[in-house]
């Protein structure tokens, strides 16, 4: 899949645990894991906005396209 999810990278840079991020943005740790592993079929803009706000980043910092 050419879409790469870099949430783990941003979590490491911000020194935040996955479970803490999941709690802050209001999703289950299991759903965050699905998103982090690139197995999600899609992501709501509301969720993407919450992730970016919590990690103080832009969508391009966590989602990348590789041809």
PDB file of N, CA and C in Angstrom:
ATOM      1  N   UNK A   1       0.849  -1.180   0.000  1.00  0.00           N
ATOM      2  CA  UNK A   1       0.000   0.000   0.000  1.00  0.00           C
ATOM      3  C   UNK A   1       0.891   1.238   0.000  1.00  0.00           C
ATOM      4  N   UNK A   2       0.642   2.163  -0.912  1.00  0.00           N
ATOM      5  CA  UNK A   2       1.496   3.352  -1.008  1.00  0.00           C
ATOM      6  C   UNK A   2       1.231   4.420   0.064  1.00  0.00           C
ATOM      7  N   UNK A   3       0.194   4.264   0.877  1.00  0.00           N
ATOM      8  CA  UNK A   3      -0.069   5.213   1.958  1.00  0.00           C
ATOM      9  C   UNK A   3       0.608   4.696   3.226  1.00  0.00           C
ATOM     10  N   UNK A   4       1.481   5.504   3.794  1.00  0.00           N
ATOM     11  CA  UNK A   4       2.227   5.140   4.987  1.00  0.00           C
ATOM     12  C   UNK A   4       1.732   5.988   6.161  1.00  0.00           C
ATOM     13  N   UNK A   5       1.462   5.328   7.286  1.00  0.00           N
ATOM     14  CA  UNK A   5       1.004   6.010   8.491  1.00  0.00           C
ATOM     15  C   UNK A   5       2.176   6.108   9.464  1.00  0.00           C
ATOM     16  N   UNK A   6       2.523   7.321   9.857  1.00  0.00           N
ATOM     17  CA  UNK A   6       3.672   7.558  10.719  1.00  0.00           C
ATOM     18  C   UNK A   6       3.280   8.008  12.127  1.00  0.00           C
ATOM     19  N   UNK A   7       2.181   7.511  12.635  1.00  0.00           N
ATOM     20  CA  UNK A   7       1.757   7.907  13.980  1.00  0.00           C
ATOM     21  C   UNK A   7       2.791   7.474  15.013  1.00  0.00           C
ATOM     22  N   UNK A   8       3.373   6.285  14.847  1.00  0.00           N
ATOM     23  CA  UNK A   8       4.386   5.805  15.797  1.00  0.00           C
ATOM     24  C   UNK A   8       5.580   6.758  15.872  1.00  0.00           C
ATOM     25  N   UNK A   9       5.972   7.297  14.731  1.00  0.00           N
ATOM     26  CA  UNK A   9       7.095   8.225  14.689  1.00  0.00           C
ATOM     27  C   UNK A   9       6.765   9.485  15.494  1.00  0.00           C
ATOM     28  N   UNK A  10       5.569  10.009  15.286  1.00  0.00           N
ATOM     29  CA  UNK A  10       5.170  11.225  16.007  1.00  0.00           C
ATOM     30  C   UNK A  10       4.990  10.946  17.502  1.00  0.00           C
ATOM     31  N   UNK A  11       4.481   9.770  17.837  1.00  0.00           N
ATOM     32  CA  UNK A  11       4.348   9.404  19.253  1.00  0.00           C
ATOM     33  C   UNK A  11       5.723   9.369  19.914  1.00  0.00           C
ATOM     34  N   UNK A  12       6.697   8.815  19.238  1.00  0.00           N
ATOM     35  CA  UNK A  12       8.052   8.742  19.787  1.00  0.00           C
ATOM     36  C   UNK A  12       8.657  10.139  19.934  1.00  0.00           C
ATOM     37  N   UNK A  13       8.462  10.983  18.924  1.00  0.00           N
ATOM     38  CA  UNK A  13       8.997  12.350  18.991  1.00  0.00           C
ATOM     39  C   UNK A  13       8.384  13.141  20.134  1.00  0.00           C
ATOM     40  N   UNK A  14       7.090  12.912  20.377  1.00  0.00           N
ATOM     41  CA  UNK A  14       6.380  13.666  21.425  1.00  0.00           C
ATOM     42  C   UNK A  14       6.425  12.963  22.781  1.00  0.00           C
ATOM     43  N   UNK A  15       7.002  11.748  22.786  1.00  0.00           N
ATOM     44  CA  UNK A  15       7.108  10.941  24.010  1.00  0.00           C
ATOM     45  C   UNK A  15       5.734  10.715  24.654  1.00  0.00           C
ATOM     46  N   UNK A  16       4.787  10.303  23.798  1.00  0.00           N
ATOM     47  CA  UNK A  16       3.418  10.013  24.230  1.00  0.00           C
ATOM     48  C   UNK A  16       3.139   8.534  23.962  1.00  0.00           C
ATOM     49  N   UNK A  17       2.463   7.883  24.876  1.00  0.00           N
ATOM     50  CA  UNK A  17       2.102   6.476  24.699  1.00  0.00           C
ATOM     51  C   UNK A  17       0.828   6.368  23.872  1.00  0.00           C
ATOM     52  N   UNK A  18       0.708   5.266  23.153  1.00  0.00           N
ATOM     53  CA  UNK A  18      -0.471   5.031  22.312  1.00  0.00           C
ATOM     54  C   UNK A  18      -1.757   5.079  23.118  1.00  0.00           C
ATOM     55  N   UNK A  19      -1.761   4.449  24.277  1.00  0.00           N
ATOM     56  CA  UNK A  19      -2.983   4.417  25.075  1.00  0.00           C
ATOM     57  C   UNK A  19      -3.371   5.820  25.548  1.00  0.00           C
ATOM     58  N   UNK A  20      -2.377   6.665  25.813  1.00  0.00           N
ATOM     59  CA  UNK A  20      -2.672   8.040  26.226  1.00  0.00           C
ATOM     60  C   UNK A  20      -3.255   8.850  25.068  1.00  0.00           C
ATOM     61  N   UNK A  21      -2.711   8.645  23.871  1.00  0.00           N
ATOM     62  CA  UNK A  21      -3.247   9.321  22.690  1.00  0.00           C
ATOM     63  C   UNK A  21      -4.671   8.873  22.421  1.00  0.00           C
ATOM     64  N   UNK A  22      -4.906   7.564  22.475  1.00  0.00           N
ATOM     65  CA  UNK A  22      -6.246   7.031  22.224  1.00  0.00           C
ATOM     66  C   UNK A  22      -7.254   7.640  23.191  1.00  0.00           C
ATOM     67  N   UNK A  23      -6.884   7.719  24.456  1.00  0.00           N
ATOM     68  CA  UNK A  23      -7.777   8.286  25.460  1.00  0.00           C
ATOM     69  C   UNK A  23      -8.039   9.771  25.187  1.00  0.00           C
ATOM     70  N   UNK A  24      -6.989  10.497  24.814  1.00  0.00           N
ATOM     71  CA  UNK A  24      -7.127  11.938  24.574  1.00  0.00           C
ATOM     72  C   UNK A  24      -8.016  12.256  23.378  1.00  0.00           C
ATOM     73  N   UNK A  25      -7.933  11.424  22.334  1.00  0.00           N
ATOM     74  CA  UNK A  25      -8.717  11.712  21.134  1.00  0.00           C
ATOM     75  C   UNK A  25     -10.062  11.006  21.109  1.00  0.00           C
ATOM     76  N   UNK A  26     -10.282  10.142  22.089  1.00  0.00           N
ATOM     77  CA  UNK A  26     -11.602   9.531  22.220  1.00  0.00           C
ATOM     78  C   UNK A  26     -11.865   8.310  21.357  1.00  0.00           C
ATOM     79  N   UNK A  27     -10.816   7.525  21.064  1.00  0.00           N
ATOM     80  CA  UNK A  27     -11.020   6.266  20.366  1.00  0.00           C
ATOM     81  C   UNK A  27     -10.399   5.148  21.204  1.00  0.00           C
ATOM     82  N   UNK A  28     -10.744   3.916  20.879  1.00  0.00           N
ATOM     83  CA  UNK A  28     -10.190   2.792  21.643  1.00  0.00           C
ATOM     84  C   UNK A  28      -8.743   2.543  21.225  1.00  0.00           C
ATOM     85  N   UNK A  29      -7.932   2.004  22.132  1.00  0.00           N
ATOM     86  CA  UNK A  29      -6.564   1.650  21.756  1.00  0.00           C
ATOM     87  C   UNK A  29      -6.531   0.655  20.582  1.00  0.00           C
ATOM     88  N   UNK A  30      -7.520  -0.226  20.503  1.00  0.00           N
ATOM     89  CA  UNK A  30      -7.579  -1.180  19.394  1.00  0.00           C
ATOM     90  C   UNK A  30      -7.773  -0.463  18.055  1.00  0.00           C
ATOM     91  N   UNK A  31      -8.657   0.537  18.030  1.00  0.00           N
ATOM     92  CA  UNK A  31      -8.873   1.281  16.787  1.00  0.00           C
ATOM     93  C   UNK A  31      -7.656   2.115  16.419  1.00  0.00           C
ATOM     94  N   UNK A  32      -6.958   2.658  17.398  1.00  0.00           N
ATOM     95  CA  UNK A  32      -5.729   3.401  17.120  1.00  0.00           C
ATOM     96  C   UNK A  32      -4.677   2.452  16.542  1.00  0.00           C
ATOM     97  N   UNK A  33      -4.603   1.248  17.073  1.00  0.00           N
ATOM     98  CA  UNK A  33      -3.656   0.255  16.570  1.00  0.00           C
ATOM     99  C   UNK A  33      -3.946  -0.096  15.114  1.00  0.00           C
ATOM    100  N   UNK A  34      -5.205  -0.269  14.777  1.00  0.00           N
ATOM    101  CA  UNK A  34      -5.601  -0.555  13.395  1.00  0.00           C
ATOM    102  C   UNK A  34      -5.165   0.580  12.479  1.00  0.00           C
ATOM    103  N   UNK A  35      -5.348   1.803  12.934  1.00  0.00           N
ATOM    104  CA  UNK A  35      -4.940   2.963  12.147  1.00  0.00           C
ATOM    105  C   UNK A  35      -3.419   3.016  12.004  1.00  0.00           C
ATOM    106  N   UNK A  36      -2.700   2.806  13.104  1.00  0.00           N
ATOM    107  CA  UNK A  36      -1.240   2.855  13.077  1.00  0.00           C
ATOM    108  C   UNK A  36      -0.644   1.794  12.166  1.00  0.00           C
ATOM    109  N   UNK A  37      -1.259   0.624  12.111  1.00  0.00           N
ATOM    110  CA  UNK A  37      -0.740  -0.478  11.301  1.00  0.00           C
ATOM    111  C   UNK A  37      -1.143  -0.390   9.832  1.00  0.00           C
ATOM    112  N   UNK A  38      -1.878   0.637   9.471  1.00  0.00           N
ATOM    113  CA  UNK A  38      -2.276   0.824   8.078  1.00  0.00           C
ATOM    114  C   UNK A  38      -3.373  -0.108   7.623  1.00  0.00           C
ATOM    115  N   UNK A  39      -4.106  -0.707   8.574  1.00  0.00           N
ATOM    116  CA  UNK A  39      -5.166  -1.649   8.222  1.00  0.00           C
ATOM    117  C   UNK A  39      -6.541  -0.993   8.152  1.00  0.00           C
ATOM    118  N   UNK A  40      -6.627   0.286   8.491  1.00  0.00           N
ATOM    119  CA  UNK A  40      -7.904   0.992   8.452  1.00  0.00           C
ATOM    120  C   UNK A  40      -8.286   1.271   6.999  1.00  0.00           C
ATOM    121  N   UNK A  41      -9.558   1.168   6.705  1.00  0.00           N
ATOM    122  CA  UNK A  41     -10.052   1.460   5.352  1.00  0.00           C
ATOM    123  C   UNK A  41     -10.158   2.962   5.118  1.00  0.00           C
ATOM    124  N   UNK A  42     -10.235   3.724   6.210  1.00  0.00           N
ATOM    125  CA  UNK A  42     -10.346   5.171   6.108  1.00  0.00           C
ATOM    126  C   UNK A  42     -10.205   5.795   7.482  1.00  0.00           C
ATOM    127  N   UNK A  43     -10.154   7.106   7.490  1.00  0.00           N
ATOM    128  CA  UNK A  43     -10.074   7.835   8.756  1.00  0.00           C
ATOM    129  C   UNK A  43     -10.947   9.083   8.627  1.00  0.00           C
ATOM    130  N   UNK A  44     -11.711   9.342   9.655  1.00  0.00           N
ATOM    131  CA  UNK A  44     -12.557  10.533   9.642  1.00  0.00           C
ATOM    132  C   UNK A  44     -11.697  11.773   9.832  1.00  0.00           C
ATOM    133  N   UNK A  45     -12.096  12.847   9.186  1.00  0.00           N
ATOM    134  CA  UNK A  45     -11.373  14.108   9.348  1.00  0.00           C
ATOM    135  C   UNK A  45     -11.397  14.561  10.804  1.00  0.00           C
ATOM    136  N   UNK A  46     -12.469  14.267  11.494  1.00  0.00           N
ATOM    137  CA  UNK A  46     -12.589  14.608  12.908  1.00  0.00           C
ATOM    138  C   UNK A  46     -11.505  13.893  13.722  1.00  0.00           C
ATOM    139  N   UNK A  47     -11.280  12.621  13.427  1.00  0.00           N
ATOM    140  CA  UNK A  47     -10.245  11.849  14.117  1.00  0.00           C
ATOM    141  C   UNK A  47      -8.861  12.346  13.730  1.00  0.00           C
ATOM    142  N   UNK A  48      -8.650  12.609  12.454  1.00  0.00           N
ATOM    143  CA  UNK A  48      -7.368  13.130  11.980  1.00  0.00           C
ATOM    144  C   UNK A  48      -7.051  14.470  12.640  1.00  0.00           C
ATOM    145  N   UNK A  49      -8.052  15.321  12.746  1.00  0.00           N
ATOM    146  CA  UNK A  49      -7.872  16.620  13.399  1.00  0.00           C
ATOM    147  C   UNK A  49      -7.497  16.441  14.866  1.00  0.00           C
ATOM    148  N   UNK A  50      -8.163  15.525  15.548  1.00  0.00           N
ATOM    149  CA  UNK A  50      -7.875  15.276  16.964  1.00  0.00           C
ATOM    150  C   UNK A  50      -6.457  14.742  17.152  1.00  0.00           C
ATOM    151  N   UNK A  51      -6.028  13.854  16.261  1.00  0.00           N
ATOM    152  CA  UNK A  51      -4.662  13.320  16.340  1.00  0.00           C
ATOM    153  C   UNK A  51      -3.647  14.438  16.136  1.00  0.00           C
ATOM    154  N   UNK A  52      -3.875  15.267  15.128  1.00  0.00           N
ATOM    155  CA  UNK A  52      -2.954  16.371  14.857  1.00  0.00           C
ATOM    156  C   UNK A  52      -2.908  17.371  16.012  1.00  0.00           C
ATOM    157  N   UNK A  53      -4.049  17.629  16.596  1.00  0.00           N
ATOM    158  CA  UNK A  53      -4.096  18.553  17.731  1.00  0.00           C
ATOM    159  C   UNK A  53      -3.345  17.974  18.927  1.00  0.00           C
ATOM    160  N   UNK A  54      -3.555  16.693  19.209  1.00  0.00           N
ATOM    161  CA  UNK A  54      -2.909  16.041  20.355  1.00  0.00           C
ATOM    162  C   UNK A  54      -1.402  15.920  20.166  1.00  0.00           C
ATOM    163  N   UNK A  55      -0.958  15.698  18.926  1.00  0.00           N
ATOM    164  CA  UNK A  55       0.468  15.515  18.657  1.00  0.00           C
ATOM    165  C   UNK A  55       1.145  16.793  18.168  1.00  0.00           C
ATOM    166  N   UNK A  56       0.375  17.883  18.065  1.00  0.00           N
ATOM    167  CA  UNK A  56       0.890  19.168  17.599  1.00  0.00           C
ATOM    168  C   UNK A  56       1.635  18.998  16.268  1.00  0.00           C
ATOM    169  N   UNK A  57       0.896  18.481  15.282  1.00  0.00           N
ATOM    170  CA  UNK A  57       1.499  18.247  13.973  1.00  0.00           C
ATOM    171  C   UNK A  57       0.467  18.528  12.878  1.00  0.00           C
ATOM    172  N   UNK A  58       0.883  18.337  11.643  1.00  0.00           N
ATOM    173  CA  UNK A  58       0.009  18.491  10.489  1.00  0.00           C
ATOM    174  C   UNK A  58      -0.292  17.108   9.924  1.00  0.00           C
ATOM    175  N   UNK A  59      -1.386  16.957   9.166  1.00  0.00           N
ATOM    176  CA  UNK A  59      -1.711  15.649   8.592  1.00  0.00           C
ATOM    177  C   UNK A  59      -0.559  15.034   7.790  1.00  0.00           C
ATOM    178  N   UNK A  60       0.195  15.860   7.095  1.00  0.00           N
ATOM    179  CA  UNK A  60       1.328  15.366   6.315  1.00  0.00           C
ATOM    180  C   UNK A  60       2.454  14.788   7.161  1.00  0.00           C
ATOM    181  N   UNK A  61       2.458  15.113   8.455  1.00  0.00           N
ATOM    182  CA  UNK A  61       3.471  14.554   9.350  1.00  0.00           C
ATOM    183  C   UNK A  61       3.158  13.104   9.714  1.00  0.00           C
ATOM    184  N   UNK A  62       1.889  12.730   9.620  1.00  0.00           N
ATOM    185  CA  UNK A  62       1.517  11.370  10.023  1.00  0.00           C
ATOM    186  C   UNK A  62       1.033  10.502   8.871  1.00  0.00           C
ATOM    187  N   UNK A  63       0.691  11.117   7.740  1.00  0.00           N
ATOM    188  CA  UNK A  63       0.265  10.352   6.570  1.00  0.00           C
ATOM    189  C   UNK A  63       1.192  10.714   5.406  1.00  0.00           C
ATOM    190  N   UNK A  64       1.744   9.684   4.778  1.00  0.00           N
ATOM    191  CA  UNK A  64       2.675   9.907   3.677  1.00  0.00           C
ATOM    192  C   UNK A  64       2.270   9.031   2.493  1.00  0.00           C
ATOM    193  N   UNK A  65       2.605   9.478   1.305  1.00  0.00           N
ATOM    194  CA  UNK A  65       2.328   8.709   0.094  1.00  0.00           C
ATOM    195  C   UNK A  65       3.654   8.345  -0.563  1.00  0.00           C
ATOM    196  N   UNK A  66       3.839   7.058  -0.812  1.00  0.00           N
ATOM    197  CA  UNK A  66       5.042   6.583  -1.478  1.00  0.00           C
ATOM    198  C   UNK A  66       4.634   5.895  -2.766  1.00  0.00           C
ATOM    199  N   UNK A  67       5.117   6.396  -3.874  1.00  0.00           N
ATOM    200  CA  UNK A  67       4.756   5.837  -5.181  1.00  0.00           C
ATOM    201  C   UNK A  67       5.493   4.564  -5.488  1.00  0.00           C
TER     202      UNK A  67
END
